Amino acid sequence: MALSFPNPYPSKHKLLEIRSSLQSADQRKMRTNSPSVLTVKRGDIDGDGIKDNVFLTANKTPDSPFWKDITLVVQNGRTHKYEYSSFKNNSGYNPTLFLGDFTGKNGDDLLVVIDTGGSGGAIYAYIFSSINGQIRQIFDSDTFNESYKYDVTFENQYKAKVTSYHLKQKYILDLTYKGKEYLSEIYNSQGILKEPINGWVNPLSGLYPVDINRDGIYELAAHQRIAGRYNADSLGEVQTVLKWNGQVFAPERQTVATYGGELQ
């Protein structure tokens, strides 16, 4: 506005310098706030036979591997239009993107996994699919964790019981592999617990695409770590195979795996 005056104050030269500095500051701000492209993949997302471009974008925290505002971006290969999908938990470490058919429809679905960085090794995981021409979320780790609840109790004679309420199953773990020193802390010489002990099952720590049936459609292998007296006291893993049933990823089977101990 000052430049439009016949006799501007300060001088026209000074006003031009101010405008130039403001424009430079705006450009620097735009560059600073501009998200980075973490990964790019190509696949036929909507099943029209034309490859689409898929991106993960995010803003990096200075001097840290922590990413914020992680966003899924799909560029339609036919229309070249962009579609943006955000996540409830959109910050974390090492975001990855996998394209594959999880639903059996024409086209690839999208699996995004983000490390939380917590001590339990938990992840955020999301699956998106093209439904009626729009990218829709069909799986998220929060819903999985809320649905799959467990109870872990130590029992006499060096055992631990894991109860899976969602599947109405129980699993018995043999704890003798933990060694005499560990067992003597919680059991007496007759194998009786010195006091009641409860453990827990951690949130989702791994979600892996696996084509178990070799039919070209991926199942999901979900892993959750079983903790005993404290988080570093690992007793084993709950492993659940999930398969798309047309509406949700339903459990096909569930097993509990224990860790090996050294041969005596």
C-alpha atoms as a PDB file:
ATOM      1  CA  MET A   1       0.000   0.000   0.000  1.00  0.00           C
ATOM      2  CA  ALA A   2       2.840   2.398   0.829  1.00  0.00           C
ATOM      3  CA  LEU A   3       4.408   1.759  -2.588  1.00  0.00           C
ATOM      4  CA  SER A   4       1.213   3.029  -4.231  1.00  0.00           C
ATOM      5  CA  PHE A   5       1.614   6.482  -2.700  1.00  0.00           C
ATOM      6  CA  PRO A   6       3.085   9.285  -4.896  1.00  0.00           C
ATOM      7  CA  ASN A   7       5.710  10.061  -2.245  1.00  0.00           C
ATOM      8  CA  PRO A   8       6.032   6.883  -0.175  1.00  0.00           C
ATOM      9  CA  TYR A   9       7.653   6.837   3.221  1.00  0.00           C
ATOM     10  CA  PRO A  10      10.084   5.233   3.842  1.00  0.00           C
ATOM     11  CA  SER A  11      11.660   5.614   0.426  1.00  0.00           C
ATOM     12  CA  LYS A  12      10.566   3.447  -2.512  1.00  0.00           C
ATOM     13  CA  HIS A  13      13.977   1.756  -2.455  1.00  0.00           C
ATOM     14  CA  LYS A  14      13.569   0.883   1.246  1.00  0.00           C
ATOM     15  CA  LEU A  15      10.022  -0.386   0.730  1.00  0.00           C
ATOM     16  CA  LEU A  16      11.191  -2.677  -2.097  1.00  0.00           C
ATOM     17  CA  GLU A  17      13.883  -4.072   0.202  1.00  0.00           C
ATOM     18  CA  ILE A  18      11.257  -4.779   2.882  1.00  0.00           C
ATOM     19  CA  ARG A  19       8.952  -6.494   0.385  1.00  0.00           C
ATOM     20  CA  SER A  20      11.807  -8.633  -0.924  1.00  0.00           C
ATOM     21  CA  SER A  21      12.792  -9.724   2.593  1.00  0.00           C
ATOM     22  CA  LEU A  22       9.164 -10.628   3.437  1.00  0.00           C
ATOM     23  CA  GLN A  23       8.812 -12.682   0.267  1.00  0.00           C
ATOM     24  CA  SER A  24      12.057 -14.520   1.041  1.00  0.00           C
ATOM     25  CA  ALA A  25      10.825 -15.262   4.580  1.00  0.00           C
ATOM     26  CA  ASP A  26       7.550 -16.648   3.209  1.00  0.00           C
ATOM     27  CA  GLN A  27       9.442 -18.879   0.774  1.00  0.00           C
ATOM     28  CA  ARG A  28      11.690 -20.183   3.569  1.00  0.00           C
ATOM     29  CA  LYS A  29       8.646 -20.888   5.700  1.00  0.00           C
ATOM     30  CA  MET A  30       6.983 -22.793   2.853  1.00  0.00           C
ATOM     31  CA  ARG A  31      10.123 -24.889   2.351  1.00  0.00           C
ATOM     32  CA  THR A  32      10.374 -25.576   6.074  1.00  0.00           C
ATOM     33  CA  ASN A  33       6.723 -26.667   6.372  1.00  0.00           C
ATOM     34  CA  SER A  34       6.747 -28.669   3.154  1.00  0.00           C
ATOM     35  CA  PRO A  35       6.447 -32.401   3.946  1.00  0.00           C
ATOM     36  CA  SER A  36       9.044 -34.898   2.777  1.00  0.00           C
ATOM     37  CA  VAL A  37       8.210 -37.866   0.563  1.00  0.00           C
ATOM     38  CA  LEU A  38       9.267 -40.941   2.539  1.00  0.00           C
ATOM     39  CA  THR A  39       8.486 -43.599  -0.049  1.00  0.00           C
ATOM     40  CA  VAL A  40       6.892 -43.960  -3.473  1.00  0.00           C
ATOM     41  CA  LYS A  41       5.274 -47.103  -4.870  1.00  0.00           C
ATOM     42  CA  ARG A  42       3.217 -47.887  -7.964  1.00  0.00           C
ATOM     43  CA  GLY A  43       0.247 -50.200  -8.161  1.00  0.00           C
ATOM     44  CA  ASP A  44      -3.264 -50.516  -9.546  1.00  0.00           C
ATOM     45  CA  ILE A  45      -5.217 -49.343  -6.521  1.00  0.00           C
ATOM     46  CA  ASP A  46      -8.711 -48.967  -8.014  1.00  0.00           C
ATOM     47  CA  GLY A  47      -8.578 -51.981 -10.361  1.00  0.00           C
ATOM     48  CA  ASP A  48      -8.946 -50.025 -13.605  1.00  0.00           C
ATOM     49  CA  GLY A  49      -5.808 -51.570 -15.104  1.00  0.00           C
ATOM     50  CA  ILE A  50      -3.804 -48.335 -14.884  1.00  0.00           C
ATOM     51  CA  LYS A  51      -0.930 -47.947 -12.438  1.00  0.00           C
ATOM     52  CA  ASP A  52      -1.392 -45.352  -9.701  1.00  0.00           C
ATOM     53  CA  ASN A  53       1.296 -43.545  -7.677  1.00  0.00           C
ATOM     54  CA  VAL A  54       1.248 -44.015  -3.908  1.00  0.00           C
ATOM     55  CA  PHE A  55       3.268 -41.854  -1.484  1.00  0.00           C
ATOM     56  CA  LEU A  56       3.920 -41.617   2.220  1.00  0.00           C
ATOM     57  CA  THR A  57       4.680 -38.021   3.221  1.00  0.00           C
ATOM     58  CA  ALA A  58       5.627 -36.577   6.619  1.00  0.00           C
ATOM     59  CA  ASN A  59       7.405 -33.766   8.417  1.00  0.00           C
ATOM     60  CA  LYS A  60      10.706 -34.687  10.040  1.00  0.00           C
ATOM     61  CA  THR A  61      11.630 -33.544  13.521  1.00  0.00           C
ATOM     62  CA  PRO A  62      15.003 -31.719  13.389  1.00  0.00           C
ATOM     63  CA  ASP A  63      17.945 -33.897  14.483  1.00  0.00           C
ATOM     64  CA  SER A  64      15.662 -36.880  15.127  1.00  0.00           C
ATOM     65  CA  PRO A  65      14.335 -39.922  13.198  1.00  0.00           C
ATOM     66  CA  PHE A  66      10.844 -39.038  14.491  1.00  0.00           C
ATOM     67  CA  TRP A  67       8.266 -38.204  11.804  1.00  0.00           C
ATOM     68  CA  LYS A  68       5.084 -36.150  12.253  1.00  0.00           C
ATOM     69  CA  ASP A  69       1.950 -35.598  10.176  1.00  0.00           C
ATOM     70  CA  ILE A  70       2.426 -38.877   8.284  1.00  0.00           C
ATOM     71  CA  THR A  71      -0.021 -38.955   5.376  1.00  0.00           C
ATOM     72  CA  LEU A  72      -0.956 -41.476   2.689  1.00  0.00           C
ATOM     73  CA  VAL A  73      -1.279 -39.913  -0.769  1.00  0.00           C
ATOM     74  CA  VAL A  74      -2.657 -41.707  -3.844  1.00  0.00           C
ATOM     75  CA  GLN A  75      -2.376 -40.131  -7.289  1.00  0.00           C
ATOM     76  CA  ASN A  76      -4.861 -41.688  -9.698  1.00  0.00           C
ATOM     77  CA  GLY A  77      -3.009 -42.849 -12.808  1.00  0.00           C
ATOM     78  CA  ARG A  78      -5.940 -42.082 -15.108  1.00  0.00           C
ATOM     79  CA  THR A  79      -7.204 -38.736 -13.748  1.00  0.00           C
ATOM     80  CA  HIS A  80      -3.909 -37.635 -12.098  1.00  0.00           C
ATOM     81  CA  LYS A  81      -5.954 -36.381  -9.132  1.00  0.00           C
ATOM     82  CA  TYR A  82      -4.620 -36.744  -5.579  1.00  0.00           C
ATOM     83  CA  GLU A  83      -6.446 -38.332  -2.654  1.00  0.00           C
ATOM     84  CA  TYR A  84      -5.120 -37.828   0.890  1.00  0.00           C
ATOM     85  CA  SER A  85      -5.704 -40.174   3.829  1.00  0.00           C
ATOM     86  CA  SER A  86      -4.586 -39.420   7.377  1.00  0.00           C
ATOM     87  CA  PHE A  87      -4.186 -41.655  10.423  1.00  0.00           C
ATOM     88  CA  LYS A  88      -5.415 -41.351  13.988  1.00  0.00           C
ATOM     89  CA  ASN A  89      -1.818 -41.938  15.127  1.00  0.00           C
ATOM     90  CA  ASN A  90       0.188 -40.057  12.529  1.00  0.00           C
ATOM     91  CA  SER A  91       3.563 -39.732  14.260  1.00  0.00           C
ATOM     92  CA  GLY A  92       6.346 -42.224  14.893  1.00  0.00           C
ATOM     93  CA  TYR A  93       9.435 -43.896  13.522  1.00  0.00           C
ATOM     94  CA  ASN A  94      10.282 -45.807  10.348  1.00  0.00           C
ATOM     95  CA  PRO A  95       6.956 -45.517   8.471  1.00  0.00           C
ATOM     96  CA  THR A  96       6.664 -48.205   5.770  1.00  0.00           C
ATOM     97  CA  LEU A  97       4.261 -48.837   2.912  1.00  0.00           C
ATOM     98  CA  PHE A  98       3.281 -52.197   1.373  1.00  0.00           C
ATOM     99  CA  LEU A  99       1.022 -52.743  -1.652  1.00  0.00           C
ATOM    100  CA  GLY A 100      -0.762 -56.065  -2.065  1.00  0.00           C
ATOM    101  CA  ASP A 101      -4.163 -57.715  -2.427  1.00  0.00           C
ATOM    102  CA  PHE A 102      -5.649 -58.374   1.027  1.00  0.00           C
ATOM    103  CA  THR A 103      -9.334 -58.316   0.047  1.00  0.00           C
ATOM    104  CA  GLY A 104      -9.535 -60.377  -3.154  1.00  0.00           C
ATOM    105  CA  LYS A 105     -10.879 -57.508  -5.259  1.00  0.00           C
ATOM    106  CA  ASN A 106      -9.250 -56.193  -8.408  1.00  0.00           C
ATOM    107  CA  GLY A 107      -6.400 -53.928  -7.376  1.00  0.00           C
ATOM    108  CA  ASP A 108      -3.872 -53.482  -4.593  1.00  0.00           C
ATOM    109  CA  ASP A 109      -4.639 -52.587  -1.004  1.00  0.00           C
ATOM    110  CA  LEU A 110      -2.311 -50.422   1.107  1.00  0.00           C
ATOM    111  CA  LEU A 111      -0.626 -51.417   4.386  1.00  0.00           C
ATOM    112  CA  VAL A 112       1.063 -48.696   6.449  1.00  0.00           C
ATOM    113  CA  VAL A 113       3.091 -49.601   9.557  1.00  0.00           C
ATOM    114  CA  ILE A 114       4.689 -47.065  11.937  1.00  0.00           C
ATOM    115  CA  ASP A 115       6.940 -47.838  14.925  1.00  0.00           C
ATOM    116  CA  THR A 116       5.781 -46.079  18.095  1.00  0.00           C
ATOM    117  CA  GLY A 117       9.240 -46.103  19.646  1.00  0.00           C
ATOM    118  CA  GLY A 118       7.878 -47.357  22.979  1.00  0.00           C
ATOM    119  CA  SER A 119       9.671 -49.896  25.157  1.00  0.00           C
ATOM    120  CA  GLY A 120       7.116 -52.591  24.292  1.00  0.00           C
ATOM    121  CA  GLY A 121       7.927 -52.415  20.578  1.00  0.00           C
ATOM    122  CA  ALA A 122       4.333 -51.532  19.673  1.00  0.00           C
ATOM    123  CA  ILE A 123       3.339 -50.377  16.197  1.00  0.00           C
ATOM    124  CA  TYR A 124       0.574 -48.395  14.562  1.00  0.00           C
ATOM    125  CA  ALA A 125      -0.834 -50.237  11.545  1.00  0.00           C
ATOM    126  CA  TYR A 126      -3.464 -49.288   8.973  1.00  0.00           C
ATOM    127  CA  ILE A 127      -4.855 -50.902   5.815  1.00  0.00           C
ATOM    128  CA  PHE A 128      -6.648 -48.923   3.131  1.00  0.00           C
ATOM    129  CA  SER A 129      -8.625 -50.159   0.132  1.00  0.00           C
ATOM    130  CA  SER A 130     -10.322 -48.516  -2.843  1.00  0.00           C
ATOM    131  CA  ILE A 131     -14.077 -48.911  -2.297  1.00  0.00           C
ATOM    132  CA  ASN A 132     -16.529 -47.375  -4.776  1.00  0.00           C
ATOM    133  CA  GLY A 133     -13.783 -45.137  -6.115  1.00  0.00           C
ATOM    134  CA  GLN A 134     -12.655 -43.823  -2.718  1.00  0.00           C
ATOM    135  CA  ILE A 135      -9.755 -44.809  -0.465  1.00  0.00           C
ATOM    136  CA  ARG A 136     -11.239 -46.211   2.751  1.00  0.00           C
ATOM    137  CA  GLN A 137      -9.589 -47.492   5.932  1.00  0.00           C
ATOM    138  CA  ILE A 138     -10.457 -51.158   6.590  1.00  0.00           C
ATOM    139  CA  PHE A 139      -8.041 -52.017   9.439  1.00  0.00           C
ATOM    140  CA  ASP A 140      -6.367 -50.141  12.274  1.00  0.00           C
ATOM    141  CA  SER A 141      -4.228 -51.327  15.171  1.00  0.00           C
ATOM    142  CA  ASP A 142      -6.251 -49.466  17.820  1.00  0.00           C
ATOM    143  CA  THR A 143      -9.405 -51.424  16.997  1.00  0.00           C
ATOM    144  CA  PHE A 144      -7.409 -54.672  16.949  1.00  0.00           C
ATOM    145  CA  ASN A 145      -5.888 -53.967  20.374  1.00  0.00           C
ATOM    146  CA  GLU A 146      -9.289 -53.103  21.832  1.00  0.00           C
ATOM    147  CA  SER A 147     -10.854 -56.311  20.467  1.00  0.00           C
ATOM    148  CA  TYR A 148      -8.128 -58.811  21.370  1.00  0.00           C
ATOM    149  CA  LYS A 149      -7.998 -58.903  25.164  1.00  0.00           C
ATOM    150  CA  TYR A 150      -6.041 -61.396  27.273  1.00  0.00           C
ATOM    151  CA  ASP A 151      -5.363 -62.507  30.812  1.00  0.00           C
ATOM    152  CA  VAL A 152      -1.954 -63.875  31.850  1.00  0.00           C
ATOM    153  CA  THR A 153      -1.558 -65.676  35.189  1.00  0.00           C
ATOM    154  CA  PHE A 154       1.351 -67.627  36.628  1.00  0.00           C
ATOM    155  CA  GLU A 155       0.334 -71.041  37.951  1.00  0.00           C
ATOM    156  CA  ASN A 156       1.877 -73.669  40.176  1.00  0.00           C
ATOM    157  CA  GLN A 157       4.369 -76.182  38.767  1.00  0.00           C
ATOM    158  CA  TYR A 158       6.212 -73.635  36.619  1.00  0.00           C
ATOM    159  CA  LYS A 159       3.422 -72.752  34.242  1.00  0.00           C
ATOM    160  CA  ALA A 160       1.659 -69.647  32.960  1.00  0.00           C
ATOM    161  CA  LYS A 161      -1.841 -69.545  31.508  1.00  0.00           C
ATOM    162  CA  VAL A 162      -2.797 -67.160  28.703  1.00  0.00           C
ATOM    163  CA  THR A 163      -6.541 -66.670  28.216  1.00  0.00           C
ATOM    164  CA  SER A 164      -7.707 -65.201  24.905  1.00  0.00           C
ATOM    165  CA  TYR A 165     -11.151 -63.719  25.488  1.00  0.00           C
ATOM    166  CA  HIS A 166     -11.811 -62.831  21.858  1.00  0.00           C
ATOM    167  CA  LEU A 167     -11.312 -66.412  20.684  1.00  0.00           C
ATOM    168  CA  LYS A 168     -12.392 -68.038  23.971  1.00  0.00           C
ATOM    169  CA  GLN A 169      -9.189 -70.095  24.109  1.00  0.00           C
ATOM    170  CA  LYS A 170      -6.567 -70.806  26.756  1.00  0.00           C
ATOM    171  CA  TYR A 171      -2.884 -71.614  26.311  1.00  0.00           C
ATOM    172  CA  ILE A 172      -0.478 -73.119  28.848  1.00  0.00           C
ATOM    173  CA  LEU A 173       3.174 -72.048  28.793  1.00  0.00           C
ATOM    174  CA  ASP A 174       5.910 -74.222  30.285  1.00  0.00           C
ATOM    175  CA  LEU A 175       8.267 -71.874  32.138  1.00  0.00           C
ATOM    176  CA  THR A 176      11.009 -74.363  32.951  1.00  0.00           C
ATOM    177  CA  TYR A 177      13.092 -73.019  30.051  1.00  0.00           C
ATOM    178  CA  LYS A 178      13.508 -69.790  32.065  1.00  0.00           C
ATOM    179  CA  GLY A 179      16.084 -71.509  34.288  1.00  0.00           C
ATOM    180  CA  LYS A 180      16.480 -72.295  37.980  1.00  0.00           C
ATOM    181  CA  GLU A 181      17.504 -68.805  39.073  1.00  0.00           C
ATOM    182  CA  TYR A 182      14.395 -67.224  37.530  1.00  0.00           C
ATOM    183  CA  LEU A 183      12.042 -69.908  38.848  1.00  0.00           C
ATOM    184  CA  SER A 184      13.457 -69.870  42.374  1.00  0.00           C
ATOM    185  CA  GLU A 185      12.511 -66.208  42.705  1.00  0.00           C
ATOM    186  CA  ILE A 186       8.790 -66.933  42.295  1.00  0.00           C
ATOM    187  CA  TYR A 187       8.350 -70.632  43.209  1.00  0.00           C
ATOM    188  CA  ASN A 188       9.260 -72.589  46.321  1.00  0.00           C
ATOM    189  CA  SER A 189      11.076 -75.934  46.193  1.00  0.00           C
ATOM    190  CA  GLN A 190       7.769 -77.781  45.614  1.00  0.00           C
ATOM    191  CA  GLY A 191       6.907 -75.642  42.573  1.00  0.00           C
ATOM    192  CA  ILE A 192       4.260 -73.611  44.416  1.00  0.00           C
ATOM    193  CA  LEU A 193       3.983 -69.894  43.741  1.00  0.00           C
ATOM    194  CA  LYS A 194       5.254 -67.741  46.583  1.00  0.00           C
ATOM    195  CA  GLU A 195       2.600 -65.149  45.716  1.00  0.00           C
ATOM    196  CA  PRO A 196       0.087 -64.545  42.897  1.00  0.00           C
ATOM    197  CA  ILE A 197       1.620 -63.089  39.733  1.00  0.00           C
ATOM    198  CA  ASN A 198      -0.174 -61.660  36.716  1.00  0.00           C
ATOM    199  CA  GLY A 199       1.390 -60.743  33.396  1.00  0.00           C
ATOM    200  CA  TRP A 200      -0.116 -59.189  30.299  1.00  0.00           C
ATOM    201  CA  VAL A 201      -0.116 -59.243  26.506  1.00  0.00           C
ATOM    202  CA  ASN A 202       1.332 -56.167  24.829  1.00  0.00           C
ATOM    203  CA  PRO A 203      -0.366 -54.276  21.983  1.00  0.00           C
ATOM    204  CA  LEU A 204       0.337 -55.222  18.401  1.00  0.00           C
ATOM    205  CA  SER A 205       4.092 -55.340  17.792  1.00  0.00           C
ATOM    206  CA  GLY A 206       4.176 -56.782  14.267  1.00  0.00           C
ATOM    207  CA  LEU A 207       1.781 -57.098  11.322  1.00  0.00           C
ATOM    208  CA  TYR A 208       3.118 -59.044   8.352  1.00  0.00           C
ATOM    209  CA  PRO A 209       1.550 -59.825   4.944  1.00  0.00           C
ATOM    210  CA  VAL A 210       1.719 -63.575   4.263  1.00  0.00           C
ATOM    211  CA  ASP A 211       0.078 -65.546   1.457  1.00  0.00           C
ATOM    212  CA  ILE A 212      -0.509 -68.718   3.447  1.00  0.00           C
ATOM    213  CA  ASN A 213      -2.907 -70.283   0.943  1.00  0.00           C
ATOM    214  CA  ARG A 214      -0.715 -69.322  -2.062  1.00  0.00           C
ATOM    215  CA  ASP A 215      -3.779 -67.943  -3.824  1.00  0.00           C
ATOM    216  CA  GLY A 216      -2.391 -64.455  -4.461  1.00  0.00           C
ATOM    217  CA  ILE A 217      -4.405 -62.937  -1.585  1.00  0.00           C
ATOM    218  CA  TYR A 218      -2.475 -61.927   1.514  1.00  0.00           C
ATOM    219  CA  GLU A 219      -3.423 -62.837   5.057  1.00  0.00           C
ATOM    220  CA  LEU A 220      -2.137 -60.860   8.051  1.00  0.00           C
ATOM    221  CA  ALA A 221       0.165 -62.356  10.670  1.00  0.00           C
ATOM    222  CA  ALA A 222      -0.347 -60.318  13.854  1.00  0.00           C
ATOM    223  CA  HIS A 223       2.231 -60.638  16.661  1.00  0.00           C
ATOM    224  CA  GLN A 224       1.808 -59.589  20.301  1.00  0.00           C
ATOM    225  CA  ARG A 225       4.451 -60.119  22.965  1.00  0.00           C
ATOM    226  CA  ILE A 226       3.542 -61.769  26.286  1.00  0.00           C
ATOM    227  CA  ALA A 227       5.098 -60.113  29.340  1.00  0.00           C
ATOM    228  CA  GLY A 228       5.487 -61.685  32.778  1.00  0.00           C
ATOM    229  CA  ARG A 229       6.429 -59.812  35.950  1.00  0.00           C
ATOM    230  CA  TYR A 230       7.673 -56.777  34.002  1.00  0.00           C
ATOM    231  CA  ASN A 231       7.859 -55.742  30.375  1.00  0.00           C
ATOM    232  CA  ALA A 232      11.359 -57.112  29.758  1.00  0.00           C
ATOM    233  CA  ASP A 233      10.282 -60.487  31.214  1.00  0.00           C
ATOM    234  CA  SER A 234       9.171 -61.960  27.888  1.00  0.00           C
ATOM    235  CA  LEU A 235       7.286 -65.255  28.071  1.00  0.00           C
ATOM    236  CA  GLY A 236       6.470 -65.705  24.385  1.00  0.00           C
ATOM    237  CA  GLU A 237       4.217 -64.342  21.643  1.00  0.00           C
ATOM    238  CA  VAL A 238       0.568 -64.534  20.677  1.00  0.00           C
ATOM    239  CA  GLN A 239       0.401 -65.032  16.903  1.00  0.00           C
ATOM    240  CA  THR A 240      -2.928 -64.488  15.150  1.00  0.00           C
ATOM    241  CA  VAL A 241      -3.602 -65.065  11.447  1.00  0.00           C
ATOM    242  CA  LEU A 242      -6.275 -62.698  10.098  1.00  0.00           C
ATOM    243  CA  LYS A 243      -8.133 -63.060   6.794  1.00  0.00           C
ATOM    244  CA  TRP A 244     -10.538 -60.686   5.068  1.00  0.00           C
ATOM    245  CA  ASN A 245     -14.087 -62.099   5.140  1.00  0.00           C
ATOM    246  CA  GLY A 246     -15.680 -59.421   2.987  1.00  0.00           C
ATOM    247  CA  GLN A 247     -16.329 -57.033   5.869  1.00  0.00           C
ATOM    248  CA  VAL A 248     -13.488 -57.291   8.405  1.00  0.00           C
ATOM    249  CA  PHE A 249     -10.212 -59.086   9.025  1.00  0.00           C
ATOM    250  CA  ALA A 250     -11.371 -62.105  11.028  1.00  0.00           C
ATOM    251  CA  PRO A 251      -9.133 -64.558  12.920  1.00  0.00           C
ATOM    252  CA  GLU A 252      -8.381 -67.770  11.038  1.00  0.00           C
ATOM    253  CA  ARG A 253      -6.241 -69.253  13.791  1.00  0.00           C
ATOM    254  CA  GLN A 254      -4.261 -68.260  16.829  1.00  0.00           C
ATOM    255  CA  THR A 255      -1.217 -69.835  18.443  1.00  0.00           C
ATOM    256  CA  VAL A 256       1.128 -69.018  21.308  1.00  0.00           C
ATOM    257  CA  ALA A 257       4.868 -69.438  20.746  1.00  0.00           C
ATOM    258  CA  THR A 258       7.479 -69.676  23.486  1.00  0.00           C
ATOM    259  CA  TYR A 259      11.133 -68.799  23.340  1.00  0.00           C
ATOM    260  CA  GLY A 260      13.835 -71.454  23.507  1.00  0.00           C
ATOM    261  CA  GLY A 261      16.182 -71.957  26.419  1.00  0.00           C
ATOM    262  CA  GLU A 262      19.785 -73.082  26.402  1.00  0.00           C
ATOM    263  CA  LEU A 263      20.514 -76.796  26.506  1.00  0.00           C
ATOM    264  CA  GLN A 264      21.797 -77.812  29.915  1.00  0.00           C
END
